Amino acid sequence: TIFNRVTCAAACNAAATLAASPTSCSNARLPGTASWICGAPGAGARHFKFSADGRRGYVINEMGGSVTAFDYNAATGALTPFQTISTLPPDFSGLKWNAEVRVHPNGKFLYASNRTHDSIAVFAIDARGALTLVEIVPSGAKTPRNFALSPDGRWLVCGHQEIGRAHV
């Protein structure tokens, strides 16, 4: 069995679709796919998450203050971008520095952390996979880095880079 996965390289501002064999732990470019899917210049692709149904994917752009949504073709491994949306308020003028992206277990919401804004952006995911900003909420402390959702989606636990503790 071959599992498809996506890897991001912020320094190269790109994401690659790879095939991984669970028996050999080797990675190889999927046949028929571009080796790299490039994002907007300077955006810095950081992390990738699949939608609950596996037909879409989302990249958090570390230096772009945004999330890019992709259609995913499981047969070929191809990723096709169709939307990039800001994770920050329109009037924010500081450094853009994102960290993590997660999809809610029910598949209807996406969360993205803003390290320099000390917030988590919440997006609704429509039937097409497109994102609409719902709200931007304070993360509870300085520099939200990584976060996780409970399996039922009722809780979000956020770790903060500057203070060394988590908030629920």
N, C-alpha and C. Protein backbone atom coordinates (compact mmCIF):
# COMPACT_ATOMS: atom_id res chain seq x y z
N THR A 1 0.84 -1.18 0.00
CA THR A 1 0.00 0.00 0.00
C THR A 1 0.89 1.24 0.00
N ILE A 2 0.52 2.20 -0.82
CA ILE A 2 1.24 3.47 -0.88
C ILE A 2 0.31 4.54 -0.33
N PHE A 3 0.84 5.36 0.57
CA PHE A 3 0.09 6.47 1.13
C PHE A 3 0.57 7.76 0.49
N ASN A 4 -0.35 8.61 0.08
CA ASN A 4 0.02 9.92 -0.44
C ASN A 4 0.20 10.87 0.73
N ARG A 5 1.17 11.76 0.61
CA ARG A 5 1.35 12.80 1.61
C ARG A 5 1.89 14.04 0.92
N VAL A 6 1.79 15.14 1.63
CA VAL A 6 2.26 16.41 1.09
C VAL A 6 3.27 16.95 2.07
N THR A 7 4.37 17.45 1.55
CA THR A 7 5.38 18.06 2.40
C THR A 7 5.56 19.50 1.97
N CYS A 8 5.80 20.38 2.93
CA CYS A 8 5.97 21.80 2.65
C CYS A 8 7.40 22.23 2.94
N ALA A 9 7.86 23.21 2.19
CA ALA A 9 9.19 23.78 2.40
C ALA A 9 9.05 25.29 2.38
N ALA A 10 8.98 25.89 3.57
CA ALA A 10 8.76 27.34 3.68
C ALA A 10 9.87 28.12 3.01
N ALA A 11 11.10 27.67 3.16
CA ALA A 11 12.23 28.40 2.57
C ALA A 11 12.13 28.42 1.06
N CYS A 12 11.58 27.36 0.48
CA CYS A 12 11.43 27.29 -0.98
C CYS A 12 10.08 27.79 -1.43
N ASN A 13 9.18 28.06 -0.46
CA ASN A 13 7.83 28.50 -0.76
C ASN A 13 7.11 27.52 -1.67
N ALA A 14 7.14 26.23 -1.30
CA ALA A 14 6.56 25.22 -2.16
C ALA A 14 6.04 24.04 -1.34
N ALA A 15 5.18 23.26 -1.98
CA ALA A 15 4.69 22.01 -1.41
C ALA A 15 4.87 20.92 -2.46
N ALA A 16 5.18 19.71 -2.02
CA ALA A 16 5.36 18.59 -2.94
C ALA A 16 4.46 17.45 -2.53
N THR A 17 3.90 16.76 -3.51
CA THR A 17 3.12 15.57 -3.27
C THR A 17 4.05 14.38 -3.41
N LEU A 18 4.09 13.55 -2.36
CA LEU A 18 4.98 12.40 -2.35
C LEU A 18 4.18 11.14 -2.09
N ALA A 19 4.73 10.01 -2.47
CA ALA A 19 4.17 8.71 -2.11
C ALA A 19 5.09 8.11 -1.07
N ALA A 20 4.51 7.54 -0.03
CA ALA A 20 5.31 6.93 1.03
C ALA A 20 4.92 5.47 1.17
N SER A 21 5.89 4.60 1.24
CA SER A 21 5.65 3.18 1.44
C SER A 21 5.82 2.88 2.93
N PRO A 22 4.79 2.33 3.59
CA PRO A 22 4.91 2.07 5.02
C PRO A 22 5.93 0.98 5.33
N THR A 23 6.30 0.16 4.36
CA THR A 23 7.26 -0.91 4.62
C THR A 23 8.69 -0.44 4.45
N SER A 24 8.92 0.51 3.55
CA SER A 24 10.30 0.96 3.33
C SER A 24 10.57 2.35 3.87
N CYS A 25 9.51 3.09 4.22
CA CYS A 25 9.63 4.47 4.70
C CYS A 25 10.35 5.36 3.70
N SER A 26 10.30 4.99 2.44
CA SER A 26 10.94 5.82 1.42
C SER A 26 9.92 6.75 0.81
N ASN A 27 10.38 7.86 0.32
CA ASN A 27 9.52 8.84 -0.33
C ASN A 27 9.89 8.93 -1.80
N ALA A 28 8.90 9.12 -2.63
CA ALA A 28 9.13 9.30 -4.05
C ALA A 28 8.06 10.22 -4.60
N ARG A 29 8.44 11.00 -5.61
CA ARG A 29 7.46 11.86 -6.26
C ARG A 29 6.41 10.99 -6.92
N LEU A 30 5.13 11.36 -6.77
CA LEU A 30 4.07 10.60 -7.39
C LEU A 30 4.16 10.72 -8.91
N PRO A 31 3.96 9.62 -9.63
CA PRO A 31 4.02 9.68 -11.09
C PRO A 31 2.99 10.66 -11.63
N GLY A 32 3.36 11.41 -12.65
CA GLY A 32 2.43 12.32 -13.32
C GLY A 32 2.17 13.61 -12.58
N THR A 33 2.89 13.90 -11.52
CA THR A 33 2.66 15.15 -10.80
C THR A 33 3.85 16.07 -10.94
N ALA A 34 3.58 17.33 -10.78
CA ALA A 34 4.69 18.28 -10.71
C ALA A 34 5.45 17.99 -9.43
N SER A 35 6.75 18.16 -9.46
CA SER A 35 7.52 17.84 -8.26
C SER A 35 7.25 18.85 -7.15
N TRP A 36 6.96 20.08 -7.50
CA TRP A 36 6.67 21.10 -6.50
C TRP A 36 5.49 21.95 -6.95
N ILE A 37 4.66 22.32 -6.00
CA ILE A 37 3.56 23.25 -6.22
C ILE A 37 3.98 24.54 -5.54
N CYS A 38 4.24 25.57 -6.29
CA CYS A 38 4.76 26.81 -5.73
C CYS A 38 3.62 27.74 -5.31
N GLY A 39 3.84 28.40 -4.19
CA GLY A 39 2.87 29.38 -3.69
C GLY A 39 3.24 30.77 -4.14
N ALA A 40 2.52 31.74 -3.60
CA ALA A 40 2.81 33.14 -3.93
C ALA A 40 4.22 33.49 -3.45
N PRO A 41 4.94 34.30 -4.21
CA PRO A 41 6.31 34.67 -3.82
C PRO A 41 6.35 35.24 -2.39
N GLY A 42 7.25 34.68 -1.58
CA GLY A 42 7.42 35.16 -0.22
C GLY A 42 6.42 34.63 0.80
N ALA A 43 5.45 33.82 0.37
CA ALA A 43 4.41 33.34 1.29
C ALA A 43 4.95 32.32 2.29
N GLY A 44 5.81 31.43 1.85
CA GLY A 44 6.42 30.47 2.76
C GLY A 44 5.49 29.35 3.21
N ALA A 45 5.19 28.40 2.33
CA ALA A 45 4.35 27.25 2.69
C ALA A 45 4.95 26.55 3.91
N ARG A 46 4.15 26.37 4.97
CA ARG A 46 4.67 25.80 6.22
C ARG A 46 4.09 24.43 6.54
N HIS A 47 2.77 24.34 6.69
CA HIS A 47 2.13 23.07 7.02
C HIS A 47 0.95 22.84 6.08
N PHE A 48 0.63 21.57 5.86
CA PHE A 48 -0.46 21.16 4.97
C PHE A 48 -1.38 20.22 5.72
N LYS A 49 -2.68 20.44 5.57
CA LYS A 49 -3.68 19.52 6.13
C LYS A 49 -4.72 19.20 5.06
N PHE A 50 -5.13 17.92 5.01
CA PHE A 50 -6.21 17.51 4.12
C PHE A 50 -7.56 17.84 4.76
N SER A 51 -8.57 18.04 3.92
CA SER A 51 -9.94 18.19 4.39
C SER A 51 -10.41 16.84 4.92
N ALA A 52 -11.54 16.83 5.64
CA ALA A 52 -12.06 15.60 6.21
C ALA A 52 -12.37 14.55 5.15
N ASP A 53 -12.79 14.99 3.96
CA ASP A 53 -13.11 14.04 2.89
C ASP A 53 -11.91 13.71 2.00
N GLY A 54 -10.77 14.36 2.24
CA GLY A 54 -9.56 14.07 1.48
C GLY A 54 -9.52 14.64 0.07
N ARG A 55 -10.52 15.42 -0.33
CA ARG A 55 -10.54 15.98 -1.69
C ARG A 55 -9.94 17.37 -1.79
N ARG A 56 -9.67 17.99 -0.67
CA ARG A 56 -9.08 19.33 -0.64
C ARG A 56 -7.88 19.31 0.31
N GLY A 57 -7.03 20.30 0.16
CA GLY A 57 -5.91 20.46 1.07
C GLY A 57 -5.70 21.93 1.36
N TYR A 58 -5.08 22.22 2.49
CA TYR A 58 -4.88 23.59 2.92
C TYR A 58 -3.45 23.79 3.40
N VAL A 59 -2.80 24.83 2.90
CA VAL A 59 -1.44 25.18 3.31
C VAL A 59 -1.48 26.49 4.08
N ILE A 60 -0.83 26.50 5.25
CA ILE A 60 -0.65 27.76 5.98
C ILE A 60 0.62 28.39 5.43
N ASN A 61 0.52 29.65 5.05
CA ASN A 61 1.65 30.39 4.49
C ASN A 61 2.31 31.19 5.60
N GLU A 62 3.45 30.68 6.07
CA GLU A 62 4.09 31.21 7.27
C GLU A 62 4.37 32.70 7.21
N MET A 63 4.87 33.18 6.09
CA MET A 63 5.23 34.60 5.97
C MET A 63 4.22 35.39 5.17
N GLY A 64 3.17 34.72 4.72
CA GLY A 64 2.16 35.39 3.90
C GLY A 64 0.92 35.81 4.65
N GLY A 65 0.79 35.36 5.92
CA GLY A 65 -0.41 35.70 6.68
C GLY A 65 -1.66 35.18 6.01
N SER A 66 -1.57 33.96 5.46
CA SER A 66 -2.70 33.45 4.68
C SER A 66 -2.73 31.92 4.67
N VAL A 67 -3.85 31.41 4.16
CA VAL A 67 -4.04 29.98 3.91
C VAL A 67 -4.38 29.84 2.44
N THR A 68 -3.79 28.85 1.78
CA THR A 68 -4.13 28.53 0.39
C THR A 68 -4.87 27.21 0.35
N ALA A 69 -6.00 27.20 -0.35
CA ALA A 69 -6.82 25.99 -0.52
C ALA A 69 -6.51 25.36 -1.87
N PHE A 70 -6.45 24.02 -1.89
CA PHE A 70 -6.14 23.26 -3.09
C PHE A 70 -7.19 22.19 -3.33
N ASP A 71 -7.47 21.93 -4.60
CA ASP A 71 -8.16 20.70 -4.97
C ASP A 71 -7.10 19.62 -5.03
N TYR A 72 -7.45 18.40 -4.62
CA TYR A 72 -6.50 17.30 -4.61
C TYR A 72 -7.04 16.16 -5.45
N ASN A 73 -6.25 15.69 -6.39
CA ASN A 73 -6.60 14.55 -7.23
C ASN A 73 -5.85 13.34 -6.69
N ALA A 74 -6.57 12.44 -6.01
CA ALA A 74 -5.92 11.29 -5.38
C ALA A 74 -5.30 10.34 -6.39
N ALA A 75 -5.86 10.27 -7.60
CA ALA A 75 -5.33 9.36 -8.61
C ALA A 75 -3.96 9.80 -9.11
N THR A 76 -3.76 11.11 -9.23
CA THR A 76 -2.49 11.61 -9.78
C THR A 76 -1.61 12.28 -8.73
N GLY A 77 -2.20 12.64 -7.59
CA GLY A 77 -1.47 13.38 -6.58
C GLY A 77 -1.39 14.87 -6.86
N ALA A 78 -2.06 15.33 -7.90
CA ALA A 78 -1.99 16.74 -8.29
C ALA A 78 -2.73 17.63 -7.30
N LEU A 79 -2.12 18.75 -6.98
CA LEU A 79 -2.71 19.79 -6.15
C LEU A 79 -2.92 21.02 -7.03
N THR A 80 -4.15 21.55 -7.03
CA THR A 80 -4.46 22.73 -7.83
C THR A 80 -5.00 23.82 -6.91
N PRO A 81 -4.25 24.93 -6.75
CA PRO A 81 -4.73 25.99 -5.86
C PRO A 81 -5.97 26.68 -6.43
N PHE A 82 -6.93 27.00 -5.54
CA PHE A 82 -8.11 27.73 -6.01
C PHE A 82 -8.47 28.92 -5.13
N GLN A 83 -7.81 29.09 -3.98
CA GLN A 83 -8.12 30.24 -3.12
C GLN A 83 -6.96 30.50 -2.17
N THR A 84 -6.65 31.77 -1.96
CA THR A 84 -5.75 32.18 -0.88
C THR A 84 -6.48 33.27 -0.11
N ILE A 85 -6.52 33.10 1.23
CA ILE A 85 -7.29 34.01 2.07
C ILE A 85 -6.47 34.41 3.29
N SER A 86 -6.58 35.67 3.67
CA SER A 86 -5.82 36.20 4.80
C SER A 86 -6.30 35.60 6.13
N THR A 87 -5.35 35.41 7.04
CA THR A 87 -5.67 34.96 8.40
C THR A 87 -5.68 36.13 9.39
N LEU A 88 -5.46 37.32 8.89
CA LEU A 88 -5.31 38.51 9.74
C LEU A 88 -6.39 39.55 9.45
N PRO A 89 -6.66 40.42 10.41
CA PRO A 89 -7.63 41.50 10.16
C PRO A 89 -7.13 42.40 9.03
N PRO A 90 -8.05 43.02 8.28
CA PRO A 90 -7.65 43.89 7.16
C PRO A 90 -6.76 45.06 7.57
N ASP A 91 -6.91 45.53 8.80
CA ASP A 91 -6.13 46.69 9.25
C ASP A 91 -4.81 46.30 9.92
N PHE A 92 -4.46 45.02 9.96
CA PHE A 92 -3.21 44.59 10.60
C PHE A 92 -2.03 45.00 9.74
N SER A 93 -1.05 45.69 10.34
CA SER A 93 0.10 46.17 9.57
C SER A 93 1.43 45.62 10.09
N GLY A 94 1.38 44.72 11.05
CA GLY A 94 2.61 44.15 11.61
C GLY A 94 3.18 43.03 10.77
N LEU A 95 4.20 42.38 11.31
CA LEU A 95 4.84 41.25 10.66
C LEU A 95 3.86 40.10 10.54
N LYS A 96 3.78 39.51 9.36
CA LYS A 96 2.93 38.33 9.14
C LYS A 96 3.77 37.10 9.45
N TRP A 97 3.26 36.25 10.39
CA TRP A 97 4.05 35.10 10.81
C TRP A 97 3.10 34.03 11.34
N ASN A 98 2.70 33.13 10.46
CA ASN A 98 1.77 32.06 10.82
C ASN A 98 2.53 30.82 11.27
N ALA A 99 1.81 29.89 11.92
CA ALA A 99 2.48 28.67 12.38
C ALA A 99 1.74 27.40 11.99
N GLU A 100 0.50 27.25 12.39
CA GLU A 100 -0.17 25.95 12.27
C GLU A 100 -1.54 26.09 11.62
N VAL A 101 -1.99 25.01 11.01
CA VAL A 101 -3.32 24.93 10.40
C VAL A 101 -3.93 23.58 10.78
N ARG A 102 -5.21 23.59 11.12
CA ARG A 102 -5.93 22.36 11.47
C ARG A 102 -7.34 22.41 10.90
N VAL A 103 -7.85 21.23 10.54
CA VAL A 103 -9.23 21.10 10.08
C VAL A 103 -10.03 20.42 11.19
N HIS A 104 -11.19 21.00 11.52
CA HIS A 104 -12.07 20.45 12.54
C HIS A 104 -12.48 19.02 12.15
N PRO A 105 -12.66 18.13 13.12
CA PRO A 105 -13.05 16.75 12.80
C PRO A 105 -14.34 16.63 11.98
N ASN A 106 -15.25 17.59 12.11
CA ASN A 106 -16.49 17.52 11.31
C ASN A 106 -16.29 18.03 9.88
N GLY A 107 -15.10 18.55 9.59
CA GLY A 107 -14.79 19.02 8.23
C GLY A 107 -15.37 20.36 7.86
N LYS A 108 -16.04 21.03 8.78
CA LYS A 108 -16.73 22.28 8.45
C LYS A 108 -15.97 23.54 8.82
N PHE A 109 -14.85 23.40 9.54
CA PHE A 109 -14.08 24.56 9.97
C PHE A 109 -12.59 24.31 9.84
N LEU A 110 -11.85 25.41 9.64
CA LEU A 110 -10.40 25.38 9.58
C LEU A 110 -9.88 26.44 10.54
N TYR A 111 -8.78 26.14 11.23
CA TYR A 111 -8.18 27.05 12.20
C TYR A 111 -6.74 27.32 11.78
N ALA A 112 -6.29 28.57 11.97
CA ALA A 112 -4.93 28.95 11.59
C ALA A 112 -4.37 29.90 12.65
N SER A 113 -3.13 29.62 13.10
CA SER A 113 -2.55 30.47 14.14
C SER A 113 -1.73 31.61 13.54
N ASN A 114 -1.87 32.78 14.17
CA ASN A 114 -1.13 34.00 13.81
C ASN A 114 -0.18 34.32 14.95
N ARG A 115 1.11 34.06 14.77
CA ARG A 115 2.07 34.23 15.87
C ARG A 115 2.23 35.68 16.30
N THR A 116 2.34 36.63 15.38
CA THR A 116 2.58 38.02 15.78
C THR A 116 1.29 38.78 16.12
N HIS A 117 0.16 38.24 15.77
CA HIS A 117 -1.12 38.84 16.13
C HIS A 117 -1.69 38.19 17.38
N ASP A 118 -1.05 37.10 17.85
CA ASP A 118 -1.48 36.37 19.05
C ASP A 118 -2.94 35.94 18.94
N SER A 119 -3.26 35.29 17.82
CA SER A 119 -4.65 34.93 17.57
C SER A 119 -4.76 33.64 16.77
N ILE A 120 -6.00 33.15 16.72
CA ILE A 120 -6.37 32.00 15.90
C ILE A 120 -7.49 32.47 14.98
N ALA A 121 -7.27 32.30 13.67
CA ALA A 121 -8.32 32.63 12.70
C ALA A 121 -9.19 31.39 12.50
N VAL A 122 -10.50 31.60 12.47
CA VAL A 122 -11.46 30.52 12.29
C VAL A 122 -12.19 30.74 10.97
N PHE A 123 -12.20 29.71 10.12
CA PHE A 123 -12.85 29.78 8.82
C PHE A 123 -13.91 28.71 8.70
N ALA A 124 -15.01 29.02 8.02
CA ALA A 124 -15.99 28.01 7.63
C ALA A 124 -15.51 27.41 6.31
N ILE A 125 -15.70 26.12 6.14
CA ILE A 125 -15.37 25.44 4.88
C ILE A 125 -16.68 25.08 4.20
N ASP A 126 -16.90 25.60 2.99
CA ASP A 126 -18.16 25.31 2.29
C ASP A 126 -18.06 23.98 1.53
N ALA A 127 -19.14 23.60 0.86
CA ALA A 127 -19.20 22.32 0.15
C ALA A 127 -18.13 22.20 -0.93
N ARG A 128 -17.69 23.30 -1.49
CA ARG A 128 -16.64 23.32 -2.52
C ARG A 128 -15.25 23.23 -1.91
N GLY A 129 -15.14 23.49 -0.60
CA GLY A 129 -13.85 23.50 0.07
C GLY A 129 -13.30 24.90 0.27
N ALA A 130 -14.03 25.91 -0.20
CA ALA A 130 -13.59 27.30 -0.06
C ALA A 130 -13.77 27.77 1.37
N LEU A 131 -12.93 28.72 1.76
CA LEU A 131 -12.92 29.25 3.12
C LEU A 131 -13.58 30.61 3.20
N THR A 132 -14.31 30.83 4.29
CA THR A 132 -14.88 32.13 4.63
C THR A 132 -14.51 32.43 6.07
N LEU A 133 -13.93 33.60 6.31
CA LEU A 133 -13.55 33.97 7.67
C LEU A 133 -14.79 34.08 8.55
N VAL A 134 -14.75 33.39 9.70
CA VAL A 134 -15.83 33.47 10.70
C VAL A 134 -15.46 34.47 11.76
N GLU A 135 -14.24 34.32 12.32
CA GLU A 135 -13.77 35.22 13.36
C GLU A 135 -12.27 35.02 13.57
N ILE A 136 -11.67 36.00 14.22
CA ILE A 136 -10.28 35.91 14.66
C ILE A 136 -10.31 36.11 16.16
N VAL A 137 -9.87 35.08 16.91
CA VAL A 137 -9.98 35.11 18.36
C VAL A 137 -8.60 35.17 19.02
N PRO A 138 -8.47 35.86 20.15
CA PRO A 138 -7.20 35.87 20.88
C PRO A 138 -6.82 34.43 21.28
N SER A 139 -5.54 34.13 21.20
CA SER A 139 -5.07 32.78 21.51
C SER A 139 -4.87 32.54 22.99
N GLY A 140 -4.91 33.58 23.81
CA GLY A 140 -4.76 33.43 25.25
C GLY A 140 -3.40 33.80 25.78
N ALA A 141 -2.42 33.99 24.90
CA ALA A 141 -1.07 34.37 25.33
C ALA A 141 -0.27 34.80 24.10
N LYS A 142 1.00 35.10 24.33
CA LYS A 142 1.87 35.60 23.27
C LYS A 142 2.43 34.46 22.40
N THR A 143 2.43 34.70 21.10
CA THR A 143 3.04 33.85 20.07
C THR A 143 2.47 32.43 20.05
N PRO A 144 1.21 32.26 19.61
CA PRO A 144 0.65 30.92 19.48
C PRO A 144 1.39 30.15 18.39
N ARG A 145 1.91 29.00 18.73
CA ARG A 145 2.73 28.25 17.79
C ARG A 145 1.96 27.05 17.25
N ASN A 146 1.84 26.02 18.04
CA ASN A 146 1.13 24.82 17.61
C ASN A 146 -0.14 24.70 18.42
N PHE A 147 -1.13 24.03 17.85
CA PHE A 147 -2.36 23.78 18.57
C PHE A 147 -2.97 22.49 18.06
N ALA A 148 -3.85 21.93 18.84
CA ALA A 148 -4.54 20.69 18.47
C ALA A 148 -5.99 20.79 18.87
N LEU A 149 -6.81 20.04 18.16
CA LEU A 149 -8.23 19.94 18.48
C LEU A 149 -8.48 18.58 19.12
N SER A 150 -9.39 18.55 20.09
CA SER A 150 -9.77 17.27 20.67
C SER A 150 -10.46 16.43 19.58
N PRO A 151 -10.47 15.10 19.72
CA PRO A 151 -11.07 14.25 18.68
C PRO A 151 -12.52 14.59 18.36
N ASP A 152 -13.27 15.09 19.35
CA ASP A 152 -14.66 15.47 19.09
C ASP A 152 -14.79 16.92 18.62
N GLY A 153 -13.67 17.67 18.60
CA GLY A 153 -13.68 19.04 18.11
C GLY A 153 -14.19 20.07 19.10
N ARG A 154 -14.46 19.66 20.33
CA ARG A 154 -15.02 20.60 21.32
C ARG A 154 -13.96 21.49 21.93
N TRP A 155 -12.69 21.07 21.92
CA TRP A 155 -11.63 21.81 22.58
C TRP A 155 -10.48 22.08 21.64
N LEU A 156 -9.89 23.25 21.79
CA LEU A 156 -8.67 23.61 21.09
C LEU A 156 -7.64 23.93 22.16
N VAL A 157 -6.50 23.26 22.11
CA VAL A 157 -5.41 23.50 23.06
C VAL A 157 -4.27 24.12 22.28
N CYS A 158 -3.81 25.29 22.71
CA CYS A 158 -2.80 26.05 21.98
C CYS A 158 -1.54 26.20 22.82
N GLY A 159 -0.40 25.82 22.23
CA GLY A 159 0.90 26.03 22.86
C GLY A 159 1.48 27.35 22.39
N HIS A 160 2.10 28.08 23.31
CA HIS A 160 2.63 29.41 23.00
C HIS A 160 4.14 29.41 23.11
N GLN A 161 4.79 29.89 22.07
CA GLN A 161 6.24 29.88 21.95
C GLN A 161 6.93 30.71 23.03
N GLU A 162 6.40 31.85 23.36
CA GLU A 162 7.08 32.78 24.26
C GLU A 162 6.90 32.48 25.74
N ILE A 163 5.85 31.76 26.11
CA ILE A 163 5.59 31.56 27.54
C ILE A 163 5.75 30.11 28.00
N GLY A 164 5.86 29.17 27.08
CA GLY A 164 6.08 27.79 27.44
C GLY A 164 4.94 27.10 28.13
N ARG A 165 3.71 27.49 27.84
CA ARG A 165 2.57 26.79 28.40
C ARG A 165 1.41 26.82 27.40
N ALA A 166 0.42 26.00 27.67
CA ALA A 166 -0.71 25.87 26.76
C ALA A 166 -1.97 26.49 27.35
N HIS A 167 -2.86 26.90 26.46
CA HIS A 167 -4.16 27.45 26.85
C HIS A 167 -5.25 26.64 26.15
N VAL A 168 -6.38 26.47 26.83
CA VAL A 168 -7.51 25.74 26.27
C VAL A 168 -8.55 26.76 25.84
